[in-house]
Amino acid sequence: MAESTGAKLAPNGMTEEQQEAFRKQRRRRSLALAGALALFALTFYVLTVIKMGPALFDRAM
């Protein structure tokens, strides 16, 4: 279809506009996953500190 309209296709069969949209979608998904992972790690950190209690900060290092 794109060949009949004269659009230039990349080796993977997508036009430049489709490739750009795909890259933007991939970047948003990657940022969402990074945010979720950071929130997950922060949750475990906070829960660990809460479970150990305030004595965690009073001990000798």
PDB file of N, CA and C in Angstrom:
ATOM      1  N   MET A   1       0.831  -1.182   0.000  1.00  0.00           N
ATOM      2  CA  MET A   1       0.000   0.000   0.000  1.00  0.00           C
ATOM      3  C   MET A   1       0.876   1.246   0.000  1.00  0.00           C
ATOM      4  N   ALA A   2       1.888   1.279   0.862  1.00  0.00           N
ATOM      5  CA  ALA A   2       2.750   2.447   0.935  1.00  0.00           C
ATOM      6  C   ALA A   2       3.576   2.590  -0.335  1.00  0.00           C
ATOM      7  N   GLU A   3       3.879   1.456  -0.967  1.00  0.00           N
ATOM      8  CA  GLU A   3       4.659   1.529  -2.199  1.00  0.00           C
ATOM      9  C   GLU A   3       3.864   2.159  -3.320  1.00  0.00           C
ATOM     10  N   SER A   4       2.551   1.933  -3.343  1.00  0.00           N
ATOM     11  CA  SER A   4       1.729   2.499  -4.399  1.00  0.00           C
ATOM     12  C   SER A   4       1.553   4.007  -4.219  1.00  0.00           C
ATOM     13  N   THR A   5       1.680   4.506  -3.010  1.00  0.00           N
ATOM     14  CA  THR A   5       1.543   5.942  -2.764  1.00  0.00           C
ATOM     15  C   THR A   5       2.875   6.662  -2.896  1.00  0.00           C
ATOM     16  N   GLY A   6       3.946   5.911  -3.018  1.00  0.00           N
ATOM     17  CA  GLY A   6       5.254   6.522  -3.156  1.00  0.00           C
ATOM     18  C   GLY A   6       5.953   6.762  -1.838  1.00  0.00           C
ATOM     19  N   ALA A   7       5.389   6.300  -0.730  1.00  0.00           N
ATOM     20  CA  ALA A   7       6.020   6.465   0.580  1.00  0.00           C
ATOM     21  C   ALA A   7       7.252   5.581   0.666  1.00  0.00           C
ATOM     22  N   LYS A   8       8.280   6.105   1.293  1.00  0.00           N
ATOM     23  CA  LYS A   8       9.523   5.349   1.436  1.00  0.00           C
ATOM     24  C   LYS A   8       9.428   4.468   2.674  1.00  0.00           C
ATOM     25  N   LEU A   9       9.658   3.172   2.501  1.00  0.00           N
ATOM     26  CA  LEU A   9       9.568   2.225   3.605  1.00  0.00           C
ATOM     27  C   LEU A   9      10.944   1.884   4.134  1.00  0.00           C
ATOM     28  N   ALA A  10      11.005   1.700   5.439  1.00  0.00           N
ATOM     29  CA  ALA A  10      12.224   1.226   6.081  1.00  0.00           C
ATOM     30  C   ALA A  10      12.332  -0.282   5.843  1.00  0.00           C
ATOM     31  N   PRO A  11      13.502  -0.875   6.129  1.00  0.00           N
ATOM     32  CA  PRO A  11      13.654  -2.324   5.942  1.00  0.00           C
ATOM     33  C   PRO A  11      12.646  -3.155   6.722  1.00  0.00           C
ATOM     34  N   ASN A  12      12.103  -2.627   7.797  1.00  0.00           N
ATOM     35  CA  ASN A  12      11.130  -3.383   8.593  1.00  0.00           C
ATOM     36  C   ASN A  12       9.703  -3.175   8.103  1.00  0.00           C
ATOM     37  N   GLY A  13       9.506  -2.431   7.045  1.00  0.00           N
ATOM     38  CA  GLY A  13       8.178  -2.259   6.461  1.00  0.00           C
ATOM     39  C   GLY A  13       7.368  -1.119   7.037  1.00  0.00           C
ATOM     40  N   MET A  14       7.973  -0.279   7.880  1.00  0.00           N
ATOM     41  CA  MET A  14       7.248   0.849   8.466  1.00  0.00           C
ATOM     42  C   MET A  14       7.712   2.144   7.817  1.00  0.00           C
ATOM     43  N   THR A  15       6.790   3.087   7.705  1.00  0.00           N
ATOM     44  CA  THR A  15       7.158   4.409   7.207  1.00  0.00           C
ATOM     45  C   THR A  15       7.872   5.169   8.322  1.00  0.00           C
ATOM     46  N   GLU A  16       8.445   6.298   7.982  1.00  0.00           N
ATOM     47  CA  GLU A  16       9.144   7.120   8.980  1.00  0.00           C
ATOM     48  C   GLU A  16       8.201   7.568  10.089  1.00  0.00           C
ATOM     49  N   GLU A  17       6.974   7.930   9.722  1.00  0.00           N
ATOM     50  CA  GLU A  17       5.996   8.373  10.724  1.00  0.00           C
ATOM     51  C   GLU A  17       5.648   7.230  11.680  1.00  0.00           C
ATOM     52  N   GLN A  18       5.494   6.037  11.134  1.00  0.00           N
ATOM     53  CA  GLN A  18       5.185   4.882  11.975  1.00  0.00           C
ATOM     54  C   GLN A  18       6.355   4.548  12.899  1.00  0.00           C
ATOM     55  N   GLN A  19       7.569   4.667  12.374  1.00  0.00           N
ATOM     56  CA  GLN A  19       8.742   4.401  13.214  1.00  0.00           C
ATOM     57  C   GLN A  19       8.842   5.408  14.347  1.00  0.00           C
ATOM     58  N   GLU A  20       8.590   6.673  14.061  1.00  0.00           N
ATOM     59  CA  GLU A  20       8.647   7.710  15.093  1.00  0.00           C
ATOM     60  C   GLU A  20       7.587   7.472  16.164  1.00  0.00           C
ATOM     61  N   ALA A  21       6.388   7.110  15.748  1.00  0.00           N
ATOM     62  CA  ALA A  21       5.318   6.814  16.703  1.00  0.00           C
ATOM     63  C   ALA A  21       5.676   5.597  17.551  1.00  0.00           C
ATOM     64  N   PHE A  22       6.292   4.593  16.930  1.00  0.00           N
ATOM     65  CA  PHE A  22       6.713   3.393  17.650  1.00  0.00           C
ATOM     66  C   PHE A  22       7.777   3.731  18.690  1.00  0.00           C
ATOM     67  N   ARG A  23       8.736   4.582  18.332  1.00  0.00           N
ATOM     68  CA  ARG A  23       9.792   4.991  19.275  1.00  0.00           C
ATOM     69  C   ARG A  23       9.206   5.758  20.455  1.00  0.00           C
ATOM     70  N   LYS A  24       8.270   6.656  20.190  1.00  0.00           N
ATOM     71  CA  LYS A  24       7.643   7.420  21.274  1.00  0.00           C
ATOM     72  C   LYS A  24       6.866   6.500  22.209  1.00  0.00           C
ATOM     73  N   GLN A  25       6.152   5.541  21.628  1.00  0.00           N
ATOM     74  CA  GLN A  25       5.389   4.589  22.440  1.00  0.00           C
ATOM     75  C   GLN A  25       6.330   3.738  23.279  1.00  0.00           C
ATOM     76  N   ARG A  26       7.441   3.297  22.697  1.00  0.00           N
ATOM     77  CA  ARG A  26       8.410   2.479  23.431  1.00  0.00           C
ATOM     78  C   ARG A  26       9.038   3.288  24.568  1.00  0.00           C
ATOM     79  N   ARG A  27       9.344   4.560  24.311  1.00  0.00           N
ATOM     80  CA  ARG A  27       9.943   5.407  25.360  1.00  0.00           C
ATOM     81  C   ARG A  27       8.974   5.618  26.515  1.00  0.00           C
ATOM     82  N   ARG A  28       7.707   5.894  26.205  1.00  0.00           N
ATOM     83  CA  ARG A  28       6.694   6.060  27.276  1.00  0.00           C
ATOM     84  C   ARG A  28       6.564   4.786  28.093  1.00  0.00           C
ATOM     85  N   ARG A  29       6.549   3.647  27.423  1.00  0.00           N
ATOM     86  CA  ARG A  29       6.427   2.368  28.131  1.00  0.00           C
ATOM     87  C   ARG A  29       7.648   2.123  29.007  1.00  0.00           C
ATOM     88  N   SER A  30       8.829   2.454  28.502  1.00  0.00           N
ATOM     89  CA  SER A  30      10.050   2.267  29.284  1.00  0.00           C
ATOM     90  C   SER A  30      10.055   3.168  30.518  1.00  0.00           C
ATOM     91  N   LEU A  31       9.633   4.404  30.349  1.00  0.00           N
ATOM     92  CA  LEU A  31       9.576   5.323  31.486  1.00  0.00           C
ATOM     93  C   LEU A  31       8.546   4.867  32.513  1.00  0.00           C
ATOM     94  N   ALA A  32       7.426   4.342  32.047  1.00  0.00           N
ATOM     95  CA  ALA A  32       6.400   3.839  32.970  1.00  0.00           C
ATOM     96  C   ALA A  32       6.937   2.645  33.757  1.00  0.00           C
ATOM     97  N   LEU A  33       7.646   1.752  33.093  1.00  0.00           N
ATOM     98  CA  LEU A  33       8.218   0.596  33.791  1.00  0.00           C
ATOM     99  C   LEU A  33       9.294   1.019  34.787  1.00  0.00           C
ATOM    100  N   ALA A  34      10.106   1.997  34.413  1.00  0.00           N
ATOM    101  CA  ALA A  34      11.136   2.492  35.331  1.00  0.00           C
ATOM    102  C   ALA A  34      10.502   3.131  36.564  1.00  0.00           C
ATOM    103  N   GLY A  35       9.443   3.891  36.359  1.00  0.00           N
ATOM    104  CA  GLY A  35       8.732   4.502  37.480  1.00  0.00           C
ATOM    105  C   GLY A  35       8.105   3.460  38.392  1.00  0.00           C
ATOM    106  N   ALA A  36       7.521   2.435  37.795  1.00  0.00           N
ATOM    107  CA  ALA A  36       6.909   1.368  38.593  1.00  0.00           C
ATOM    108  C   ALA A  36       7.966   0.616  39.395  1.00  0.00           C
ATOM    109  N   LEU A  37       9.108   0.353  38.786  1.00  0.00           N
ATOM    110  CA  LEU A  37      10.190  -0.335  39.488  1.00  0.00           C
ATOM    111  C   LEU A  37      10.726   0.512  40.643  1.00  0.00           C
ATOM    112  N   ALA A  38      10.884   1.810  40.419  1.00  0.00           N
ATOM    113  CA  ALA A  38      11.354   2.701  41.476  1.00  0.00           C
ATOM    114  C   ALA A  38      10.346   2.751  42.633  1.00  0.00           C
ATOM    115  N   LEU A  39       9.071   2.816  42.307  1.00  0.00           N
ATOM    116  CA  LEU A  39       8.037   2.825  43.340  1.00  0.00           C
ATOM    117  C   LEU A  39       8.026   1.514  44.116  1.00  0.00           C
ATOM    118  N   PHE A  40       8.210   0.402  43.434  1.00  0.00           N
ATOM    119  CA  PHE A  40       8.276  -0.910  44.064  1.00  0.00           C
ATOM    120  C   PHE A  40       9.451  -0.978  45.050  1.00  0.00           C
ATOM    121  N   ALA A  41      10.623  -0.520  44.606  1.00  0.00           N
ATOM    122  CA  ALA A  41      11.808  -0.536  45.471  1.00  0.00           C
ATOM    123  C   ALA A  41      11.614   0.383  46.676  1.00  0.00           C
ATOM    124  N   LEU A  42      11.060   1.559  46.455  1.00  0.00           N
ATOM    125  CA  LEU A  42      10.816   2.505  47.545  1.00  0.00           C
ATOM    126  C   LEU A  42       9.821   1.930  48.557  1.00  0.00           C
ATOM    127  N   THR A  43       8.820   1.239  48.068  1.00  0.00           N
ATOM    128  CA  THR A  43       7.844   0.610  48.958  1.00  0.00           C
ATOM    129  C   THR A  43       8.512  -0.414  49.869  1.00  0.00           C
ATOM    130  N   PHE A  44       9.364  -1.263  49.295  1.00  0.00           N
ATOM    131  CA  PHE A  44      10.060  -2.247  50.110  1.00  0.00           C
ATOM    132  C   PHE A  44      11.006  -1.576  51.113  1.00  0.00           C
ATOM    133  N   TYR A  45      11.663  -0.507  50.716  1.00  0.00           N
ATOM    134  CA  TYR A  45      12.560   0.209  51.618  1.00  0.00           C
ATOM    135  C   TYR A  45      11.780   0.778  52.805  1.00  0.00           C
ATOM    136  N   VAL A  46      10.682   1.442  52.510  1.00  0.00           N
ATOM    137  CA  VAL A  46       9.873   2.050  53.576  1.00  0.00           C
ATOM    138  C   VAL A  46       9.296   0.976  54.490  1.00  0.00           C
ATOM    139  N   LEU A  47       8.780  -0.096  53.906  1.00  0.00           N
ATOM    140  CA  LEU A  47       8.225  -1.165  54.744  1.00  0.00           C
ATOM    141  C   LEU A  47       9.297  -1.814  55.621  1.00  0.00           C
ATOM    142  N   THR A  48      10.505  -1.945  55.119  1.00  0.00           N
ATOM    143  CA  THR A  48      11.600  -2.513  55.910  1.00  0.00           C
ATOM    144  C   THR A  48      11.947  -1.606  57.079  1.00  0.00           C
ATOM    145  N   VAL A  49      12.034  -0.309  56.831  1.00  0.00           N
ATOM    146  CA  VAL A  49      12.343   0.642  57.903  1.00  0.00           C
ATOM    147  C   VAL A  49      11.232   0.628  58.946  1.00  0.00           C
ATOM    148  N   ILE A  50       9.988   0.580  58.501  1.00  0.00           N
ATOM    149  CA  ILE A  50       8.866   0.559  59.440  1.00  0.00           C
ATOM    150  C   ILE A  50       8.886  -0.722  60.275  1.00  0.00           C
ATOM    151  N   LYS A  51       9.161  -1.836  59.633  1.00  0.00           N
ATOM    152  CA  LYS A  51       9.167  -3.116  60.353  1.00  0.00           C
ATOM    153  C   LYS A  51      10.302  -3.173  61.382  1.00  0.00           C
ATOM    154  N   MET A  52      11.460  -2.613  61.057  1.00  0.00           N
ATOM    155  CA  MET A  52      12.596  -2.642  61.986  1.00  0.00           C
ATOM    156  C   MET A  52      12.403  -1.650  63.118  1.00  0.00           C
ATOM    157  N   GLY A  53      11.599  -0.636  62.901  1.00  0.00           N
ATOM    158  CA  GLY A  53      11.269   0.309  63.957  1.00  0.00           C
ATOM    159  C   GLY A  53      12.309   1.402  64.130  1.00  0.00           C
ATOM    160  N   PRO A  54      12.065   2.293  65.061  1.00  0.00           N
ATOM    161  CA  PRO A  54      12.954   3.442  65.278  1.00  0.00           C
ATOM    162  C   PRO A  54      14.309   3.039  65.843  1.00  0.00           C
ATOM    163  N   ALA A  55      14.426   1.842  66.418  1.00  0.00           N
ATOM    164  CA  ALA A  55      15.715   1.403  66.979  1.00  0.00           C
ATOM    165  C   ALA A  55      16.759   1.228  65.878  1.00  0.00           C
ATOM    166  N   LEU A  56      16.315   1.131  64.651  1.00  0.00           N
ATOM    167  CA  LEU A  56      17.235   0.994  63.524  1.00  0.00           C
ATOM    168  C   LEU A  56      18.213   2.180  63.459  1.00  0.00           C
ATOM    169  N   PHE A  57      17.735   3.368  63.807  1.00  0.00           N
ATOM    170  CA  PHE A  57      18.560   4.562  63.698  1.00  0.00           C
ATOM    171  C   PHE A  57      19.345   4.845  64.991  1.00  0.00           C
ATOM    172  N   ASP A  58      19.075   4.123  66.072  1.00  0.00           N
ATOM    173  CA  ASP A  58      19.747   4.356  67.335  1.00  0.00           C
ATOM    174  C   ASP A  58      20.950   3.430  67.556  1.00  0.00           C
ATOM    175  N   ARG A  59      21.141   2.484  66.691  1.00  0.00           N
ATOM    176  CA  ARG A  59      22.228   1.519  66.913  1.00  0.00           C
ATOM    177  C   ARG A  59      23.579   2.076  66.490  1.00  0.00           C
ATOM    178  N   ALA A  60      24.635   1.495  67.048  1.00  0.00           N
ATOM    179  CA  ALA A  60      26.004   1.929  66.714  1.00  0.00           C
ATOM    180  C   ALA A  60      26.365   1.409  65.338  1.00  0.00           C
ATOM    181  N   MET A  61      27.093   2.202  64.612  1.00  0.00           N
ATOM    182  CA  MET A  61      27.498   1.796  63.271  1.00  0.00           C
ATOM    183  C   MET A  61      28.909   1.313  63.310  1.00  0.00           C
TER     184      MET A  61
END
